[in-house]
Amino acid sequence: MKKKGAHFKAIILWRREELAMFRTIIVILAAIILIATPVLADNLSAAKKFMGKGQYPQAEAVFQALVEKDGQNADSYYWWGVCRLKQGRVADQLFLKAIGLKPAYNESIGKLYQREAEAFLRKGQADTARNLFDSAVSWDKTLKPAIGQYLFNLGQYDLAIRYAPEVGNKVADIFYAKAEALDGANRLPYYRQAKKFSAKYNEAVKAKLLAISKTKFEEKDITFWREAAAEFGKIPPDYKIYEPGTYTFSLKAGKKTDHWIRQSPEVTGYGVSSQDDKFQLIFDDGEVVSAWTPGQWPKNKYKFKIIAVTDQPKIIMVLEGKEKSGVALKSQ
């Protein structure tokens, strides 16, 4: 009985010593935590100070040490990401790590990118700003309208429509108004800018340019304005095809038909005349033939315009076909 009692007392003493040792370990661990926490906080503060001074490599070195020491500290990853943004660098992986440890950070990432993008834009670094704006909207698509309006207000129109296509009409309004305040070919660059951002004015501009082309006499000028009009949409052909028959034209002195006259394949011959024959034909190869000059009209040329030298109230064009058609007189 004495031996059993002694053995029981030994077990109790051992358990007391074990409990005391466990308590000691807990105290030591608590002390380590209490000591380590201020160190981490101090180091994070030091990293932020480096960032504030623009000393980003030094700040990154501290962040690297922090995450190696404690890979579960969300703040270290978050601020490391901020440090990267301030250098114009994308930091998605760091932010994802921070969000995995502290989900609340997710709400601020898009705006962080937006803020730094605006900062780089103010520095004139548009490419970097665009990359950061792209990341901003990838994190938070609801930022698109605000970013687009911000860029529109700054006159950064190309970037503005990247995020808010709806501002394109506003940009077109600006350039169209500038074009309308100018004359002649000086309008064209602004019309083209308006077209770049919106199709809103395309039809109106096309009509204006075609109207200008009809006021020109020299073929090179007509071609210039028609080609400009064609930039804004499909334009009608500059010719009309005439079938066998008789047609009349009325032109003032110095004017010419506003289209090329083309003969259909059914036409086998033609004649053009007026009371005084004071008009000319200009062919598409540049040859000019005067009606009052003796001789026949050139053969094998089927595309021309009529130019009035004096007022020509009635120029008659007869197109002969394989068979007499008896077509009545047509006014043009």
Protein backbone atom coordinates (compact mmCIF):
# COMPACT_ATOMS: atom_id res chain seq x y z
CA MET A 1 0.00 0.00 0.00
CA LYS A 2 2.87 2.38 0.80
CA LYS A 3 4.45 1.69 -2.61
CA LYS A 4 1.19 2.45 -4.44
CA GLY A 5 0.75 5.70 -2.51
CA ALA A 6 4.27 6.82 -3.35
CA HIS A 7 3.71 6.03 -7.02
CA PHE A 8 0.47 8.03 -7.07
CA LYS A 9 2.17 11.06 -5.49
CA ALA A 10 4.95 10.83 -8.13
CA ILE A 11 2.36 10.97 -10.94
CA ILE A 12 0.69 14.02 -9.41
CA LEU A 13 4.04 15.83 -9.06
CA TRP A 14 4.96 15.03 -12.67
CA ARG A 15 1.63 16.35 -13.94
CA ARG A 16 2.09 19.54 -11.90
CA GLU A 17 5.54 20.03 -13.44
CA GLU A 18 4.14 19.36 -16.93
CA LEU A 19 1.35 21.91 -16.38
CA ALA A 20 3.85 24.45 -15.10
CA MET A 21 6.05 23.90 -18.17
CA PHE A 22 3.04 24.32 -20.50
CA ARG A 23 2.11 27.57 -18.77
CA THR A 24 5.69 28.77 -19.20
CA ILE A 25 5.58 28.00 -22.93
CA ILE A 26 2.29 29.93 -23.29
CA VAL A 27 3.80 32.92 -21.53
CA ILE A 28 6.87 32.81 -23.75
CA LEU A 29 4.75 32.59 -26.91
CA ALA A 30 2.58 35.47 -25.76
CA ALA A 31 5.69 37.49 -25.08
CA ILE A 32 7.01 36.73 -28.58
CA ILE A 33 3.72 37.83 -30.13
CA LEU A 34 3.67 41.00 -28.06
CA ILE A 35 7.23 41.77 -29.06
CA ALA A 36 6.82 40.84 -32.76
CA THR A 37 3.64 42.84 -33.39
CA PRO A 38 5.17 46.26 -32.72
CA VAL A 39 8.18 45.29 -34.84
CA LEU A 40 5.93 44.43 -37.81
CA ALA A 41 3.96 47.63 -37.32
CA ASP A 42 7.14 49.67 -37.07
CA ASN A 43 8.54 48.10 -40.21
CA LEU A 44 5.29 48.74 -42.11
CA SER A 45 5.44 52.35 -40.99
CA ALA A 46 9.05 52.58 -42.15
CA ALA A 47 8.08 51.18 -45.57
CA LYS A 48 5.34 53.79 -45.89
CA LYS A 49 7.83 56.54 -45.07
CA PHE A 50 10.12 55.30 -47.83
CA MET A 51 7.14 55.42 -50.18
CA GLY A 52 6.33 58.96 -49.11
CA LYS A 53 9.84 60.02 -50.06
CA GLY A 54 9.66 58.25 -53.40
CA GLN A 55 12.24 55.70 -52.25
CA TYR A 56 10.40 52.77 -53.73
CA PRO A 57 13.25 50.21 -53.91
CA GLN A 58 13.90 50.66 -50.19
CA ALA A 59 10.18 50.35 -49.45
CA GLU A 60 9.93 47.17 -51.53
CA ALA A 61 12.86 45.65 -49.65
CA VAL A 62 11.03 46.21 -46.37
CA PHE A 63 7.79 44.76 -47.73
CA GLN A 64 9.68 41.71 -48.97
CA ALA A 65 11.13 41.18 -45.51
CA LEU A 66 7.72 41.64 -43.91
CA VAL A 67 5.97 38.99 -45.99
CA GLU A 68 8.87 36.59 -45.52
CA LYS A 69 8.57 37.07 -41.78
CA ASP A 70 4.78 36.87 -41.71
CA GLY A 71 3.10 35.65 -44.89
CA GLN A 72 -0.35 36.03 -43.35
CA ASN A 73 -0.22 39.80 -42.86
CA ALA A 74 -2.76 41.32 -45.30
CA ASP A 75 -1.57 44.88 -44.72
CA SER A 76 1.95 44.06 -45.92
CA TYR A 77 0.67 42.71 -49.24
CA TYR A 78 -1.79 45.57 -49.65
CA TRP A 79 0.74 48.34 -49.10
CA TRP A 80 3.31 46.55 -51.19
CA GLY A 81 0.74 46.66 -53.99
CA VAL A 82 0.22 50.38 -53.40
CA CYS A 83 3.99 50.84 -53.65
CA ARG A 84 3.96 49.11 -57.03
CA LEU A 85 1.11 51.32 -58.26
CA LYS A 86 3.01 54.46 -57.37
CA GLN A 87 5.73 53.26 -59.72
CA GLY A 88 3.18 52.78 -62.49
CA ARG A 89 3.27 49.01 -62.18
CA VAL A 90 0.33 46.62 -62.06
CA ALA A 91 0.09 44.84 -58.71
CA ASP A 92 -2.84 42.45 -59.08
CA GLN A 93 -1.09 39.45 -57.52
CA LEU A 94 -0.21 41.36 -54.37
CA PHE A 95 -3.74 42.73 -54.06
CA LEU A 96 -5.26 39.29 -54.58
CA LYS A 97 -3.08 37.97 -51.77
CA ALA A 98 -4.17 40.83 -49.50
CA ILE A 99 -7.86 40.26 -50.34
CA GLY A 100 -7.51 36.55 -49.62
CA LEU A 101 -6.42 37.46 -46.09
CA LYS A 102 -8.68 40.50 -45.66
CA PRO A 103 -11.65 40.54 -48.11
CA ALA A 104 -12.60 44.11 -47.19
CA TYR A 105 -9.67 45.35 -49.24
CA ASN A 106 -11.49 44.30 -52.42
CA GLU A 107 -13.69 47.40 -52.34
CA SER A 108 -10.81 49.85 -52.66
CA ILE A 109 -8.54 48.33 -55.33
CA GLY A 110 -10.30 49.77 -58.38
CA LYS A 111 -10.26 53.29 -56.98
CA LEU A 112 -6.60 52.90 -56.02
CA TYR A 113 -5.73 52.16 -59.64
CA GLN A 114 -7.89 55.07 -60.80
CA ARG A 115 -6.20 57.51 -58.41
CA GLU A 116 -2.68 56.53 -59.49
CA ALA A 117 -3.70 56.57 -63.17
CA GLU A 118 -4.86 60.16 -62.76
CA ALA A 119 -1.55 61.02 -61.10
CA PHE A 120 0.46 59.62 -64.00
CA LEU A 121 -1.76 61.41 -66.50
CA ARG A 122 -0.99 64.70 -64.76
CA LYS A 123 2.70 63.89 -65.22
CA GLY A 124 2.12 63.47 -68.95
CA GLN A 125 2.66 59.70 -68.89
CA ALA A 126 -0.43 58.75 -70.90
CA ASP A 127 0.60 55.15 -71.67
CA THR A 128 1.17 54.32 -68.02
CA ALA A 129 -2.08 56.06 -67.10
CA ARG A 130 -3.97 54.00 -69.70
CA ASN A 131 -2.59 50.74 -68.30
CA LEU A 132 -3.63 51.69 -64.79
CA PHE A 133 -7.08 52.88 -65.93
CA ASP A 134 -7.50 49.52 -67.67
CA SER A 135 -6.71 47.74 -64.42
CA ALA A 136 -9.07 50.03 -62.52
CA VAL A 137 -12.06 49.06 -64.65
CA SER A 138 -11.06 45.40 -64.62
CA TRP A 139 -11.42 45.52 -60.84
CA ASP A 140 -14.52 47.71 -60.84
CA LYS A 141 -16.51 48.17 -64.06
CA THR A 142 -18.76 50.76 -62.41
CA LEU A 143 -15.84 53.21 -62.59
CA LYS A 144 -16.03 53.42 -66.40
CA PRO A 145 -18.49 56.36 -66.70
CA ALA A 146 -16.64 58.44 -64.10
CA ILE A 147 -13.26 57.76 -65.68
CA GLY A 148 -14.62 58.57 -69.14
CA GLN A 149 -16.13 61.88 -67.97
CA TYR A 150 -12.93 62.79 -66.09
CA LEU A 151 -10.85 62.23 -69.24
CA PHE A 152 -13.38 64.10 -71.40
CA ASN A 153 -13.16 67.11 -69.10
CA LEU A 154 -9.36 67.06 -69.49
CA GLY A 155 -9.62 66.93 -73.28
CA GLN A 156 -8.19 63.40 -73.33
CA TYR A 157 -10.77 62.32 -75.88
CA ASP A 158 -9.06 59.18 -77.18
CA LEU A 159 -8.82 57.79 -73.67
CA ALA A 160 -12.29 59.01 -72.72
CA ILE A 161 -14.12 56.93 -75.33
CA ARG A 162 -12.03 53.91 -74.36
CA TYR A 163 -13.92 53.77 -71.07
CA ALA A 164 -17.12 55.65 -71.90
CA PRO A 165 -18.04 55.37 -75.60
CA GLU A 166 -21.13 57.45 -74.90
CA VAL A 167 -19.00 60.63 -74.71
CA GLY A 168 -18.11 60.15 -78.37
CA ASN A 169 -21.08 62.28 -79.49
CA LYS A 170 -19.97 65.11 -77.22
CA VAL A 171 -16.48 65.00 -78.69
CA ALA A 172 -17.92 64.98 -82.21
CA ASP A 173 -19.99 68.06 -81.32
CA ILE A 174 -16.81 69.92 -80.38
CA PHE A 175 -14.93 69.12 -83.57
CA TYR A 176 -17.93 69.67 -85.84
CA ALA A 177 -18.47 73.13 -84.34
CA LYS A 178 -14.80 73.96 -84.95
CA ALA A 179 -15.10 72.84 -88.58
CA GLU A 180 -18.18 74.95 -89.16
CA ALA A 181 -16.31 78.04 -87.99
CA LEU A 182 -13.77 77.61 -90.82
CA ASP A 183 -13.83 77.77 -94.60
CA GLY A 184 -12.79 75.48 -97.43
CA ALA A 185 -10.33 72.68 -96.91
CA ASN A 186 -9.48 74.02 -93.44
CA ARG A 187 -12.66 72.31 -92.27
CA LEU A 188 -11.58 68.83 -93.24
CA PRO A 189 -9.25 67.95 -90.31
CA TYR A 190 -12.01 68.81 -87.84
CA TYR A 191 -14.68 66.94 -89.79
CA ARG A 192 -12.38 63.91 -89.75
CA GLN A 193 -11.88 64.24 -86.01
CA ALA A 194 -15.64 64.37 -85.50
CA LYS A 195 -15.99 61.21 -87.60
CA LYS A 196 -13.29 59.49 -85.55
CA PHE A 197 -15.36 59.77 -82.39
CA SER A 198 -18.90 59.40 -83.74
CA ALA A 199 -20.87 58.82 -86.94
CA LYS A 200 -23.34 61.48 -85.82
CA TYR A 201 -22.40 64.04 -88.48
CA ASN A 202 -21.24 61.76 -91.29
CA GLU A 203 -24.25 62.22 -93.56
CA ALA A 204 -24.36 65.98 -93.06
CA VAL A 205 -20.65 66.35 -93.79
CA LYS A 206 -20.87 64.12 -96.87
CA ALA A 207 -23.71 66.25 -98.26
CA LYS A 208 -21.77 69.48 -97.61
CA LEU A 209 -18.66 68.22 -99.36
CA LEU A 210 -20.58 66.90 -102.35
CA ALA A 211 -22.29 70.28 -102.64
CA ILE A 212 -18.88 71.97 -102.67
CA SER A 213 -17.67 69.60 -105.39
CA LYS A 214 -20.54 70.74 -107.63
CA THR A 215 -19.40 74.35 -107.37
CA LYS A 216 -15.93 73.52 -108.74
CA PHE A 217 -14.92 73.72 -112.37
CA GLU A 218 -11.50 72.11 -112.50
CA GLU A 219 -11.66 68.33 -112.51
CA LYS A 220 -8.89 68.01 -109.93
CA ASP A 221 -10.91 70.17 -107.54
CA ILE A 222 -14.07 68.20 -108.17
CA THR A 223 -12.20 64.96 -107.55
CA PHE A 224 -10.64 66.34 -104.36
CA TRP A 225 -13.98 67.22 -102.80
CA ARG A 226 -15.71 64.05 -103.94
CA GLU A 227 -12.93 61.94 -102.44
CA ALA A 228 -13.23 63.90 -99.21
CA ALA A 229 -17.00 63.28 -99.21
CA ALA A 230 -16.42 59.57 -99.75
CA GLU A 231 -14.57 59.41 -96.42
CA PHE A 232 -17.90 59.97 -94.68
CA GLY A 233 -20.02 57.44 -96.53
CA LYS A 234 -20.98 56.03 -99.88
CA ILE A 235 -21.40 58.71 -102.54
CA PRO A 236 -23.32 58.47 -105.82
CA PRO A 237 -21.31 57.93 -109.01
CA ASP A 238 -20.09 61.04 -110.81
CA TYR A 239 -21.63 59.92 -114.10
CA LYS A 240 -24.96 59.05 -115.68
CA ILE A 241 -25.43 56.38 -118.33
CA TYR A 242 -27.45 57.48 -121.32
CA GLU A 243 -29.32 55.09 -123.57
CA PRO A 244 -30.01 55.81 -127.27
CA GLY A 245 -32.26 58.84 -127.58
CA THR A 246 -32.32 62.63 -127.71
CA TYR A 247 -31.50 64.79 -124.69
CA THR A 248 -31.24 68.53 -124.01
CA PHE A 249 -29.07 70.47 -121.57
CA SER A 250 -29.24 74.09 -120.41
CA LEU A 251 -26.03 75.70 -119.15
CA LYS A 252 -24.91 79.21 -118.25
CA ALA A 253 -21.68 80.57 -119.72
CA GLY A 254 -18.64 79.08 -117.96
CA LYS A 255 -20.62 76.20 -116.46
CA LYS A 256 -20.53 72.52 -117.29
CA THR A 257 -22.62 69.47 -116.61
CA ASP A 258 -22.30 68.36 -113.00
CA HIS A 259 -21.75 64.75 -114.04
CA TRP A 260 -19.96 62.78 -116.70
CA ILE A 261 -22.08 61.65 -119.63
CA ARG A 262 -21.51 57.99 -120.38
CA GLN A 263 -23.00 56.23 -123.36
CA SER A 264 -24.49 52.80 -122.92
CA PRO A 265 -23.17 49.89 -125.01
CA GLU A 266 -26.30 50.22 -127.15
CA VAL A 267 -25.12 53.59 -128.51
CA THR A 268 -23.53 53.37 -131.97
CA GLY A 269 -22.96 57.08 -132.62
CA TYR A 270 -23.69 60.50 -131.19
CA GLY A 271 -24.00 64.18 -132.03
CA VAL A 272 -24.16 67.31 -129.87
CA SER A 273 -25.24 70.74 -131.13
CA SER A 274 -26.80 74.08 -130.19
CA GLN A 275 -27.98 77.23 -131.97
CA ASP A 276 -24.50 78.83 -131.98
CA ASP A 277 -22.36 75.81 -131.05
CA LYS A 278 -20.48 77.86 -128.46
CA PHE A 279 -19.76 74.93 -126.20
CA GLN A 280 -17.08 72.30 -125.73
CA LEU A 281 -16.83 68.68 -124.78
CA ILE A 282 -14.16 67.63 -122.28
CA PHE A 283 -13.39 63.93 -122.32
CA ASP A 284 -12.23 61.89 -119.35
CA ASP A 285 -8.73 61.62 -120.78
CA GLY A 286 -8.43 65.43 -120.70
CA GLU A 287 -9.01 66.13 -124.41
CA VAL A 288 -11.16 69.22 -125.08
CA VAL A 289 -13.03 69.59 -128.37
CA SER A 290 -14.86 72.77 -129.41
CA ALA A 291 -18.25 72.38 -131.10
CA TRP A 292 -17.56 75.28 -133.48
CA THR A 293 -14.45 73.59 -134.86
CA PRO A 294 -15.04 71.79 -138.16
CA GLY A 295 -14.88 68.01 -138.03
CA GLN A 296 -16.54 65.13 -136.28
CA TRP A 297 -16.67 64.31 -132.59
CA PRO A 298 -13.92 61.89 -131.50
CA LYS A 299 -14.79 58.25 -132.03
CA ASN A 300 -14.29 55.53 -129.41
CA LYS A 301 -14.70 58.04 -126.58
CA TYR A 302 -17.81 57.54 -124.56
CA LYS A 303 -17.42 59.65 -121.43
CA PHE A 304 -17.48 63.46 -121.45
CA LYS A 305 -18.86 66.66 -119.93
CA ILE A 306 -20.37 69.61 -121.77
CA ILE A 307 -18.91 73.09 -121.09
CA ALA A 308 -20.85 76.22 -122.10
CA VAL A 309 -18.71 79.05 -123.49
CA THR A 310 -21.72 81.36 -123.86
CA ASP A 311 -25.17 80.92 -122.36
CA GLN A 312 -26.60 77.74 -123.82
CA PRO A 313 -30.34 77.47 -123.18
CA LYS A 314 -30.63 74.37 -125.34
CA ILE A 315 -27.86 71.96 -126.20
CA ILE A 316 -29.15 68.91 -128.01
CA MET A 317 -27.45 65.52 -127.68
CA VAL A 318 -28.56 62.70 -129.99
CA LEU A 319 -27.41 59.17 -129.22
CA GLU A 320 -28.00 56.74 -132.06
CA GLY A 321 -28.70 53.09 -131.45
CA LYS A 322 -28.74 49.94 -133.51
CA GLU A 323 -32.37 50.61 -134.24
CA LYS A 324 -34.16 53.94 -134.41
CA SER A 325 -35.94 54.28 -131.09
CA GLY A 326 -38.06 57.34 -131.71
CA VAL A 327 -37.36 58.45 -128.15
CA ALA A 328 -38.87 61.84 -127.36
CA LEU A 329 -36.77 64.89 -126.40
CA LYS A 330 -35.53 64.71 -122.76
CA SER A 331 -34.52 67.73 -120.66
CA GLN A 332 -31.63 67.43 -118.18
